[in-house]
Amino acid sequence: FWKGEDATITGMKRRRIKALLEHDINLLAYH
């Protein structure tokens, strides 16, 4: 969810998020 990136959840972003949700895995990020 970087500023300026395409906000749609498609392609690579969809596959990543789908895998997290299907396996009920939390994602925490600190930049």
Full PDB file with SEQRES, HELIX, SHEET, SSBOND, CRYST1, ORIGX, SCALE, CONECT and MASTER records, all heavy atoms in Angstrom:
SEQRES   1 A   31  PHE TRP LYS GLY GLU ASP ALA THR ILE THR GLY MET LYS          
SEQRES   2 A   31  ARG ARG ARG ILE LYS ALA LEU LEU GLU HIS ASP ILE ASN          
SEQRES   3 A   31  LEU LEU ALA TYR HIS                                          
HELIX    1 AA1 GLY A   11  GLU A   22  1                                  12    
CRYST1    1.000    1.000    1.000  90.00  90.00  90.00 P 1           1          
ORIGX1      1.000000  0.000000  0.000000        0.00000                         
ORIGX2      0.000000  1.000000  0.000000        0.00000                         
ORIGX3      0.000000  0.000000  1.000000        0.00000                         
SCALE1      1.000000  0.000000  0.000000        0.00000                         
SCALE2      0.000000  1.000000  0.000000        0.00000                         
SCALE3      0.000000  0.000000  1.000000        0.00000                         
ATOM      1  N   PHE A   1       0.813  -1.225   0.000  1.00  0.00           N  
ATOM      2  CA  PHE A   1       0.000   0.000   0.000  1.00  0.00           C  
ATOM      3  C   PHE A   1       0.844   1.272   0.000  1.00  0.00           C  
ATOM      4  O   PHE A   1       0.624   2.202   0.769  1.00  0.00           O  
ATOM      5  CB  PHE A   1      -0.974  -0.006   1.186  1.00  0.00           C  
ATOM      6  CG  PHE A   1      -1.708  -1.312   1.344  1.00  0.00           C  
ATOM      7  CD1 PHE A   1      -1.534  -2.083   2.482  1.00  0.00           C  
ATOM      8  CD2 PHE A   1      -2.553  -1.789   0.342  1.00  0.00           C  
ATOM      9  CE1 PHE A   1      -2.199  -3.291   2.637  1.00  0.00           C  
ATOM     10  CE2 PHE A   1      -3.228  -2.999   0.490  1.00  0.00           C  
ATOM     11  CZ  PHE A   1      -3.046  -3.750   1.632  1.00  0.00           C  
ATOM     12  N   TRP A   2       1.807   1.331  -0.926  1.00  0.00           N  
ATOM     13  CA  TRP A   2       2.688   2.488  -1.041  1.00  0.00           C  
ATOM     14  C   TRP A   2       1.960   3.646  -1.713  1.00  0.00           C  
ATOM     15  O   TRP A   2       1.136   3.450  -2.608  1.00  0.00           O  
ATOM     16  CB  TRP A   2       3.936   2.114  -1.832  1.00  0.00           C  
ATOM     17  CG  TRP A   2       4.715   1.022  -1.175  1.00  0.00           C  
ATOM     18  CD1 TRP A   2       4.565  -0.318  -1.364  1.00  0.00           C  
ATOM     19  CD2 TRP A   2       5.735   1.179  -0.195  1.00  0.00           C  
ATOM     20  NE1 TRP A   2       5.439  -1.009  -0.568  1.00  0.00           N  
ATOM     21  CE2 TRP A   2       6.178  -0.127   0.164  1.00  0.00           C  
ATOM     22  CE3 TRP A   2       6.337   2.287   0.414  1.00  0.00           C  
ATOM     23  CZ2 TRP A   2       7.176  -0.334   1.097  1.00  0.00           C  
ATOM     24  CZ3 TRP A   2       7.341   2.075   1.340  1.00  0.00           C  
ATOM     25  CH2 TRP A   2       7.749   0.776   1.679  1.00  0.00           C  
ATOM     26  N   LYS A   3       2.270   4.851  -1.302  1.00  0.00           N  
ATOM     27  CA  LYS A   3       1.687   6.041  -1.909  1.00  0.00           C  
ATOM     28  C   LYS A   3       2.040   6.092  -3.399  1.00  0.00           C  
ATOM     29  O   LYS A   3       3.183   5.858  -3.786  1.00  0.00           O  
ATOM     30  CB  LYS A   3       2.204   7.303  -1.218  1.00  0.00           C  
ATOM     31  CG  LYS A   3       1.662   7.502   0.182  1.00  0.00           C  
ATOM     32  CD  LYS A   3       2.201   8.771   0.828  1.00  0.00           C  
ATOM     33  CE  LYS A   3       1.681   8.918   2.245  1.00  0.00           C  
ATOM     34  NZ  LYS A   3       2.249  10.111   2.924  1.00  0.00           N  
ATOM     35  N   GLY A   4       1.041   6.374  -4.207  1.00  0.00           N  
ATOM     36  CA  GLY A   4       1.278   6.504  -5.638  1.00  0.00           C  
ATOM     37  C   GLY A   4       1.118   5.222  -6.426  1.00  0.00           C  
ATOM     38  O   GLY A   4       1.082   5.252  -7.660  1.00  0.00           O  
ATOM     39  N   GLU A   5       1.009   4.075  -5.751  1.00  0.00           N  
ATOM     40  CA  GLU A   5       0.849   2.828  -6.492  1.00  0.00           C  
ATOM     41  C   GLU A   5      -0.627   2.616  -6.848  1.00  0.00           C  
ATOM     42  O   GLU A   5      -1.529   3.229  -6.259  1.00  0.00           O  
ATOM     43  CB  GLU A   5       1.372   1.644  -5.688  1.00  0.00           C  
ATOM     44  CG  GLU A   5       0.474   1.207  -4.558  1.00  0.00           C  
ATOM     45  CD  GLU A   5       0.930  -0.080  -3.874  1.00  0.00           C  
ATOM     46  OE1 GLU A   5       2.081  -0.502  -4.081  1.00  0.00           O  
ATOM     47  OE2 GLU A   5       0.127  -0.654  -3.119  1.00  0.00           O  
ATOM     48  N   ASP A   6      -0.875   1.761  -7.813  1.00  0.00           N  
ATOM     49  CA  ASP A   6      -2.237   1.412  -8.202  1.00  0.00           C  
ATOM     50  C   ASP A   6      -2.952   0.793  -7.002  1.00  0.00           C  
ATOM     51  O   ASP A   6      -2.471  -0.161  -6.403  1.00  0.00           O  
ATOM     52  CB  ASP A   6      -2.180   0.414  -9.366  1.00  0.00           C  
ATOM     53  CG  ASP A   6      -3.548   0.100  -9.956  1.00  0.00           C  
ATOM     54  OD1 ASP A   6      -4.582   0.447  -9.334  1.00  0.00           O  
ATOM     55  OD2 ASP A   6      -3.587  -0.515 -11.036  1.00  0.00           O  
ATOM     56  N   ALA A   7      -4.117   1.349  -6.650  1.00  0.00           N  
ATOM     57  CA  ALA A   7      -4.833   0.892  -5.459  1.00  0.00           C  
ATOM     58  C   ALA A   7      -5.637  -0.378  -5.691  1.00  0.00           C  
ATOM     59  O   ALA A   7      -6.120  -0.984  -4.730  1.00  0.00           O  
ATOM     60  CB  ALA A   7      -5.763   1.995  -4.954  1.00  0.00           C  
ATOM     61  N   THR A   8      -5.791  -0.804  -6.945  1.00  0.00           N  
ATOM     62  CA  THR A   8      -6.588  -1.996  -7.213  1.00  0.00           C  
ATOM     63  C   THR A   8      -5.847  -3.251  -6.754  1.00  0.00           C  
ATOM     64  O   THR A   8      -4.618  -3.340  -6.831  1.00  0.00           O  
ATOM     65  CB  THR A   8      -6.917  -2.123  -8.705  1.00  0.00           C  
ATOM     66  OG1 THR A   8      -5.695  -2.208  -9.457  1.00  0.00           O  
ATOM     67  CG2 THR A   8      -7.718  -0.925  -9.188  1.00  0.00           C  
ATOM     68  N   ILE A   9      -6.616  -4.217  -6.260  1.00  0.00           N  
ATOM     69  CA  ILE A   9      -6.023  -5.469  -5.777  1.00  0.00           C  
ATOM     70  C   ILE A   9      -6.144  -6.504  -6.887  1.00  0.00           C  
ATOM     71  O   ILE A   9      -7.102  -7.274  -6.966  1.00  0.00           O  
ATOM     72  CB  ILE A   9      -6.699  -5.918  -4.477  1.00  0.00           C  
ATOM     73  CG1 ILE A   9      -6.514  -4.830  -3.407  1.00  0.00           C  
ATOM     74  CG2 ILE A   9      -6.099  -7.231  -3.968  1.00  0.00           C  
ATOM     75  CD1 ILE A   9      -7.195  -5.111  -2.103  1.00  0.00           C  
ATOM     76  N   THR A  10      -5.169  -6.485  -7.779  1.00  0.00           N  
ATOM     77  CA  THR A  10      -5.138  -7.367  -8.943  1.00  0.00           C  
ATOM     78  C   THR A  10      -3.741  -7.945  -9.089  1.00  0.00           C  
ATOM     79  O   THR A  10      -2.791  -7.492  -8.455  1.00  0.00           O  
ATOM     80  CB  THR A  10      -5.504  -6.594 -10.229  1.00  0.00           C  
ATOM     81  OG1 THR A  10      -4.564  -5.512 -10.398  1.00  0.00           O  
ATOM     82  CG2 THR A  10      -6.916  -6.017 -10.162  1.00  0.00           C  
ATOM     83  N   GLY A  11      -3.618  -8.953  -9.943  1.00  0.00           N  
ATOM     84  CA  GLY A  11      -2.312  -9.496 -10.289  1.00  0.00           C  
ATOM     85  C   GLY A  11      -1.496  -9.933  -9.098  1.00  0.00           C  
ATOM     86  O   GLY A  11      -1.968 -10.672  -8.218  1.00  0.00           O  
ATOM     87  N   MET A  12      -0.256  -9.484  -9.045  1.00  0.00           N  
ATOM     88  CA  MET A  12       0.681  -9.883  -7.999  1.00  0.00           C  
ATOM     89  C   MET A  12       0.161  -9.517  -6.612  1.00  0.00           C  
ATOM     90  O   MET A  12       0.256 -10.311  -5.668  1.00  0.00           O  
ATOM     91  CB  MET A  12       2.030  -9.215  -8.241  1.00  0.00           C  
ATOM     92  CG  MET A  12       3.104  -9.537  -7.219  1.00  0.00           C  
ATOM     93  SD  MET A  12       4.683  -8.741  -7.630  1.00  0.00           S  
ATOM     94  CE  MET A  12       4.288  -7.024  -7.259  1.00  0.00           C  
ATOM     95  N   LYS A  13      -0.396  -8.301  -6.478  1.00  0.00           N  
ATOM     96  CA  LYS A  13      -0.908  -7.873  -5.177  1.00  0.00           C  
ATOM     97  C   LYS A  13      -2.050  -8.788  -4.724  1.00  0.00           C  
ATOM     98  O   LYS A  13      -2.137  -9.166  -3.554  1.00  0.00           O  
ATOM     99  CB  LYS A  13      -1.384  -6.426  -5.238  1.00  0.00           C  
ATOM    100  CG  LYS A  13      -1.804  -5.865  -3.886  1.00  0.00           C  
ATOM    101  CD  LYS A  13      -2.473  -4.504  -4.013  1.00  0.00           C  
ATOM    102  CE  LYS A  13      -1.520  -3.456  -4.485  1.00  0.00           C  
ATOM    103  NZ  LYS A  13      -2.152  -2.096  -4.484  1.00  0.00           N  
ATOM    104  N   ARG A  14      -2.946  -9.151  -5.635  1.00  0.00           N  
ATOM    105  CA  ARG A  14      -4.061 -10.037  -5.293  1.00  0.00           C  
ATOM    106  C   ARG A  14      -3.549 -11.393  -4.824  1.00  0.00           C  
ATOM    107  O   ARG A  14      -4.036 -11.940  -3.826  1.00  0.00           O  
ATOM    108  CB  ARG A  14      -4.995 -10.220  -6.488  1.00  0.00           C  
ATOM    109  CG  ARG A  14      -6.142 -11.214  -6.215  1.00  0.00           C  
ATOM    110  CD  ARG A  14      -6.965 -11.473  -7.469  1.00  0.00           C  
ATOM    111  NE  ARG A  14      -8.033 -12.434  -7.192  1.00  0.00           N  
ATOM    112  CZ  ARG A  14      -7.895 -13.748  -7.207  1.00  0.00           C  
ATOM    113  NH1 ARG A  14      -6.699 -14.295  -7.499  1.00  0.00           N  
ATOM    114  NH2 ARG A  14      -8.923 -14.546  -6.943  1.00  0.00           N  
ATOM    115  N   ARG A  15      -2.570 -11.953  -5.538  1.00  0.00           N  
ATOM    116  CA  ARG A  15      -2.049 -13.272  -5.164  1.00  0.00           C  
ATOM    117  C   ARG A  15      -1.431 -13.245  -3.772  1.00  0.00           C  
ATOM    118  O   ARG A  15      -1.626 -14.163  -2.976  1.00  0.00           O  
ATOM    119  CB  ARG A  15      -1.028 -13.741  -6.207  1.00  0.00           C  
ATOM    120  CG  ARG A  15      -1.640 -14.077  -7.561  1.00  0.00           C  
ATOM    121  CD  ARG A  15      -0.640 -14.780  -8.464  1.00  0.00           C  
ATOM    122  NE  ARG A  15       0.484 -13.929  -8.826  1.00  0.00           N  
ATOM    123  CZ  ARG A  15       0.495 -13.097  -9.880  1.00  0.00           C  
ATOM    124  NH1 ARG A  15      -0.585 -12.986 -10.657  1.00  0.00           N  
ATOM    125  NH2 ARG A  15       1.560 -12.373 -10.158  1.00  0.00           N  
ATOM    126  N   ARG A  16      -0.691 -12.203  -3.479  1.00  0.00           N  
ATOM    127  CA  ARG A  16      -0.060 -12.101  -2.161  1.00  0.00           C  
ATOM    128  C   ARG A  16      -1.111 -11.990  -1.049  1.00  0.00           C  
ATOM    129  O   ARG A  16      -1.054 -12.724  -0.055  1.00  0.00           O  
ATOM    130  CB  ARG A  16       0.859 -10.873  -2.126  1.00  0.00           C  
ATOM    131  CG  ARG A  16       2.119 -10.996  -2.978  1.00  0.00           C  
ATOM    132  CD  ARG A  16       2.880  -9.689  -2.976  1.00  0.00           C  
ATOM    133  NE  ARG A  16       4.193  -9.798  -3.600  1.00  0.00           N  
ATOM    134  CZ  ARG A  16       5.066  -8.797  -3.664  1.00  0.00           C  
ATOM    135  NH1 ARG A  16       4.753  -7.609  -3.148  1.00  0.00           N  
ATOM    136  NH2 ARG A  16       6.238  -8.965  -4.242  1.00  0.00           N  
ATOM    137  N   ILE A  17      -2.038 -11.065  -1.225  1.00  0.00           N  
ATOM    138  CA  ILE A  17      -3.045 -10.841  -0.190  1.00  0.00           C  
ATOM    139  C   ILE A  17      -3.972 -12.044  -0.054  1.00  0.00           C  
ATOM    140  O   ILE A  17      -4.357 -12.430   1.065  1.00  0.00           O  
ATOM    141  CB  ILE A  17      -3.833  -9.544  -0.476  1.00  0.00           C  
ATOM    142  CG1 ILE A  17      -2.883  -8.343  -0.347  1.00  0.00           C  
ATOM    143  CG2 ILE A  17      -5.020  -9.396   0.469  1.00  0.00           C  
ATOM    144  CD1 ILE A  17      -3.505  -7.018  -0.743  1.00  0.00           C  
ATOM    145  N   LYS A  18      -4.297 -12.683  -1.164  1.00  0.00           N  
ATOM    146  CA  LYS A  18      -5.131 -13.885  -1.134  1.00  0.00           C  
ATOM    147  C   LYS A  18      -4.468 -14.980  -0.298  1.00  0.00           C  
ATOM    148  O   LYS A  18      -5.123 -15.642   0.526  1.00  0.00           O  
ATOM    149  CB  LYS A  18      -5.384 -14.389  -2.555  1.00  0.00           C  
ATOM    150  CG  LYS A  18      -6.274 -15.625  -2.658  1.00  0.00           C  
ATOM    151  CD  LYS A  18      -6.562 -15.913  -4.141  1.00  0.00           C  
ATOM    152  CE  LYS A  18      -7.509 -17.108  -4.305  1.00  0.00           C  
ATOM    153  NZ  LYS A  18      -6.850 -18.393  -4.041  1.00  0.00           N  
ATOM    154  N   ALA A  19      -3.166 -15.156  -0.480  1.00  0.00           N  
ATOM    155  CA  ALA A  19      -2.444 -16.179   0.289  1.00  0.00           C  
ATOM    156  C   ALA A  19      -2.455 -15.851   1.778  1.00  0.00           C  
ATOM    157  O   ALA A  19      -2.642 -16.741   2.620  1.00  0.00           O  
ATOM    158  CB  ALA A  19      -1.010 -16.296  -0.220  1.00  0.00           C  
ATOM    159  N   LEU A  20      -2.280 -14.590   2.121  1.00  0.00           N  
ATOM    160  CA  LEU A  20      -2.323 -14.193   3.531  1.00  0.00           C  
ATOM    161  C   LEU A  20      -3.697 -14.456   4.137  1.00  0.00           C  
ATOM    162  O   LEU A  20      -3.816 -15.026   5.226  1.00  0.00           O  
ATOM    163  CB  LEU A  20      -1.980 -12.706   3.669  1.00  0.00           C  
ATOM    164  CG  LEU A  20      -0.535 -12.295   3.361  1.00  0.00           C  
ATOM    165  CD1 LEU A  20      -0.422 -10.780   3.295  1.00  0.00           C  
ATOM    166  CD2 LEU A  20       0.432 -12.849   4.404  1.00  0.00           C  
ATOM    167  N   LEU A  21      -4.749 -14.062   3.416  1.00  0.00           N  
ATOM    168  CA  LEU A  21      -6.106 -14.212   3.946  1.00  0.00           C  
ATOM    169  C   LEU A  21      -6.515 -15.680   4.036  1.00  0.00           C  
ATOM    170  O   LEU A  21      -7.142 -16.095   5.015  1.00  0.00           O  
ATOM    171  CB  LEU A  21      -7.092 -13.437   3.072  1.00  0.00           C  
ATOM    172  CG  LEU A  21      -6.933 -11.907   3.082  1.00  0.00           C  
ATOM    173  CD1 LEU A  21      -7.887 -11.271   2.076  1.00  0.00           C  
ATOM    174  CD2 LEU A  21      -7.169 -11.342   4.472  1.00  0.00           C  
ATOM    175  N   GLU A  22      -6.159 -16.464   3.035  1.00  0.00           N  
ATOM    176  CA  GLU A  22      -6.538 -17.886   3.042  1.00  0.00           C  
ATOM    177  C   GLU A  22      -5.904 -18.626   4.214  1.00  0.00           C  
ATOM    178  O   GLU A  22      -6.487 -19.581   4.739  1.00  0.00           O  
ATOM    179  CB  GLU A  22      -6.139 -18.545   1.725  1.00  0.00           C  
ATOM    180  CG  GLU A  22      -7.065 -18.201   0.570  1.00  0.00           C  
ATOM    181  CD  GLU A  22      -6.692 -18.953  -0.697  1.00  0.00           C  
ATOM    182  OE1 GLU A  22      -5.552 -19.474  -0.785  1.00  0.00           O  
ATOM    183  OE2 GLU A  22      -7.539 -19.019  -1.604  1.00  0.00           O  
ATOM    184  N   HIS A  23      -4.709 -18.194   4.618  1.00  0.00           N  
ATOM    185  CA  HIS A  23      -4.007 -18.883   5.713  1.00  0.00           C  
ATOM    186  C   HIS A  23      -4.077 -18.092   7.026  1.00  0.00           C  
ATOM    187  O   HIS A  23      -3.416 -18.464   7.996  1.00  0.00           O  
ATOM    188  CB  HIS A  23      -2.556 -19.149   5.312  1.00  0.00           C  
ATOM    189  CG  HIS A  23      -2.431 -20.160   4.210  1.00  0.00           C  
ATOM    190  ND1 HIS A  23      -2.516 -19.812   2.879  1.00  0.00           N  
ATOM    191  CD2 HIS A  23      -2.292 -21.507   4.249  1.00  0.00           C  
ATOM    192  CE1 HIS A  23      -2.404 -20.906   2.139  1.00  0.00           C  
ATOM    193  NE2 HIS A  23      -2.258 -21.946   2.949  1.00  0.00           N  
ATOM    194  N   ASP A  24      -4.884 -17.030   7.022  1.00  0.00           N  
ATOM    195  CA  ASP A  24      -5.152 -16.270   8.244  1.00  0.00           C  
ATOM    196  C   ASP A  24      -3.858 -15.755   8.872  1.00  0.00           C  
ATOM    197  O   ASP A  24      -3.654 -15.818  10.092  1.00  0.00           O  
ATOM    198  CB  ASP A  24      -5.923 -17.133   9.244  1.00  0.00           C  
ATOM    199  CG  ASP A  24      -6.864 -16.318  10.124  1.00  0.00           C  
ATOM    200  OD1 ASP A  24      -7.126 -15.149   9.773  1.00  0.00           O  
ATOM    201  OD2 ASP A  24      -7.310 -16.852  11.154  1.00  0.00           O  
ATOM    202  N   ILE A  25      -2.957 -15.223   8.022  1.00  0.00           N  
ATOM    203  CA  ILE A  25      -1.659 -14.728   8.477  1.00  0.00           C  
ATOM    204  C   ILE A  25      -1.682 -13.201   8.548  1.00  0.00           C  
ATOM    205  O   ILE A  25      -2.046 -12.527   7.586  1.00  0.00           O  
ATOM    206  CB  ILE A  25      -0.529 -15.188   7.532  1.00  0.00           C  
ATOM    207  CG1 ILE A  25      -0.428 -16.714   7.516  1.00  0.00           C  
ATOM    208  CG2 ILE A  25       0.805 -14.575   7.942  1.00  0.00           C  
ATOM    209  CD1 ILE A  25       0.574 -17.247   6.512  1.00  0.00           C  
ATOM    210  N   ASN A  26      -1.292 -12.670   9.689  1.00  0.00           N  
ATOM    211  CA  ASN A  26      -1.156 -11.228   9.847  1.00  0.00           C  
ATOM    212  C   ASN A  26       0.072 -10.725   9.090  1.00  0.00           C  
ATOM    213  O   ASN A  26       1.111 -11.404   9.064  1.00  0.00           O  
ATOM    214  CB  ASN A  26      -0.965 -10.859  11.327  1.00  0.00           C  
ATOM    215  CG  ASN A  26      -2.170 -11.183  12.174  1.00  0.00           C  
ATOM    216  OD1 ASN A  26      -3.145 -10.454  12.175  1.00  0.00           O  
ATOM    217  ND2 ASN A  26      -2.106 -12.304  12.910  1.00  0.00           N  
ATOM    218  N   LEU A  27      -0.036  -9.540   8.508  1.00  0.00           N  
ATOM    219  CA  LEU A  27       1.128  -8.885   7.918  1.00  0.00           C  
ATOM    220  C   LEU A  27       1.341  -7.554   8.627  1.00  0.00           C  
ATOM    221  O   LEU A  27       0.468  -6.676   8.622  1.00  0.00           O  
ATOM    222  CB  LEU A  27       0.937  -8.634   6.419  1.00  0.00           C  
ATOM    223  CG  LEU A  27       2.070  -7.829   5.766  1.00  0.00           C  
ATOM    224  CD1 LEU A  27       3.382  -8.615   5.786  1.00  0.00           C  
ATOM    225  CD2 LEU A  27       1.716  -7.429   4.330  1.00  0.00           C  
ATOM    226  N   LEU A  28       2.514  -7.424   9.252  1.00  0.00           N  
ATOM    227  CA  LEU A  28       2.906  -6.170   9.886  1.00  0.00           C  
ATOM    228  C   LEU A  28       4.145  -5.641   9.172  1.00  0.00           C  
ATOM    229  O   LEU A  28       5.075  -6.414   8.867  1.00  0.00           O  
ATOM    230  CB  LEU A  28       3.218  -6.365  11.366  1.00  0.00           C  
ATOM    231  CG  LEU A  28       2.069  -6.857  12.241  1.00  0.00           C  
ATOM    232  CD1 LEU A  28       2.189  -8.359  12.476  1.00  0.00           C  
ATOM    233  CD2 LEU A  28       2.041  -6.119  13.567  1.00  0.00           C  
ATOM    234  N   ALA A  29       4.144  -4.331   8.883  1.00  0.00           N  
ATOM    235  CA  ALA A  29       5.257  -3.736   8.149  1.00  0.00           C  
ATOM    236  C   ALA A  29       5.630  -2.394   8.764  1.00  0.00           C  
ATOM    237  O   ALA A  29       4.759  -1.606   9.144  1.00  0.00           O  
ATOM    238  CB  ALA A  29       4.879  -3.555   6.685  1.00  0.00           C  
ATOM    239  N   TYR A  30       6.927  -2.162   8.854  1.00  0.00           N  
ATOM    240  CA  TYR A  30       7.442  -0.901   9.394  1.00  0.00           C  
ATOM    241  C   TYR A  30       8.570  -0.418   8.487  1.00  0.00           C  
ATOM    242  O   TYR A  30       9.599  -1.087   8.357  1.00  0.00           O  
ATOM    243  CB  TYR A  30       7.939  -1.096  10.829  1.00  0.00           C  
ATOM    244  CG  TYR A  30       6.803  -1.386  11.782  1.00  0.00           C  
ATOM    245  CD1 TYR A  30       6.379  -2.698  11.991  1.00  0.00           C  
ATOM    246  CD2 TYR A  30       6.117  -0.357  12.416  1.00  0.00           C  
ATOM    247  CE1 TYR A  30       5.309  -2.975  12.833  1.00  0.00           C  
ATOM    248  CE2 TYR A  30       5.050  -0.626  13.258  1.00  0.00           C  
ATOM    249  CZ  TYR A  30       4.647  -1.939  13.462  1.00  0.00           C  
ATOM    250  OH  TYR A  30       3.581  -2.200  14.285  1.00  0.00           O  
ATOM    251  N   HIS A  31       8.363   0.739   7.875  1.00  0.00           N  
ATOM    252  CA  HIS A  31       9.312   1.264   6.899  1.00  0.00           C  
ATOM    253  C   HIS A  31      10.263   2.262   7.572  1.00  0.00           C  
ATOM    254  O   HIS A  31      11.221   1.860   8.230  1.00  0.00           O  
ATOM    255  CB  HIS A  31       8.551   1.869   5.712  1.00  0.00           C  
ATOM    256  CG  HIS A  31       9.442   2.340   4.618  1.00  0.00           C  
ATOM    257  ND1 HIS A  31       9.353   3.611   4.098  1.00  0.00           N  
ATOM    258  CD2 HIS A  31      10.453   1.727   3.967  1.00  0.00           C  
ATOM    259  CE1 HIS A  31      10.274   3.745   3.157  1.00  0.00           C  
ATOM    260  NE2 HIS A  31      10.956   2.627   3.053  1.00  0.00           N  
TER     261      HIS A  31                                                      
MASTER        0    0    0    1    0    0    0    6  260    1    0    3          
END                                                                             
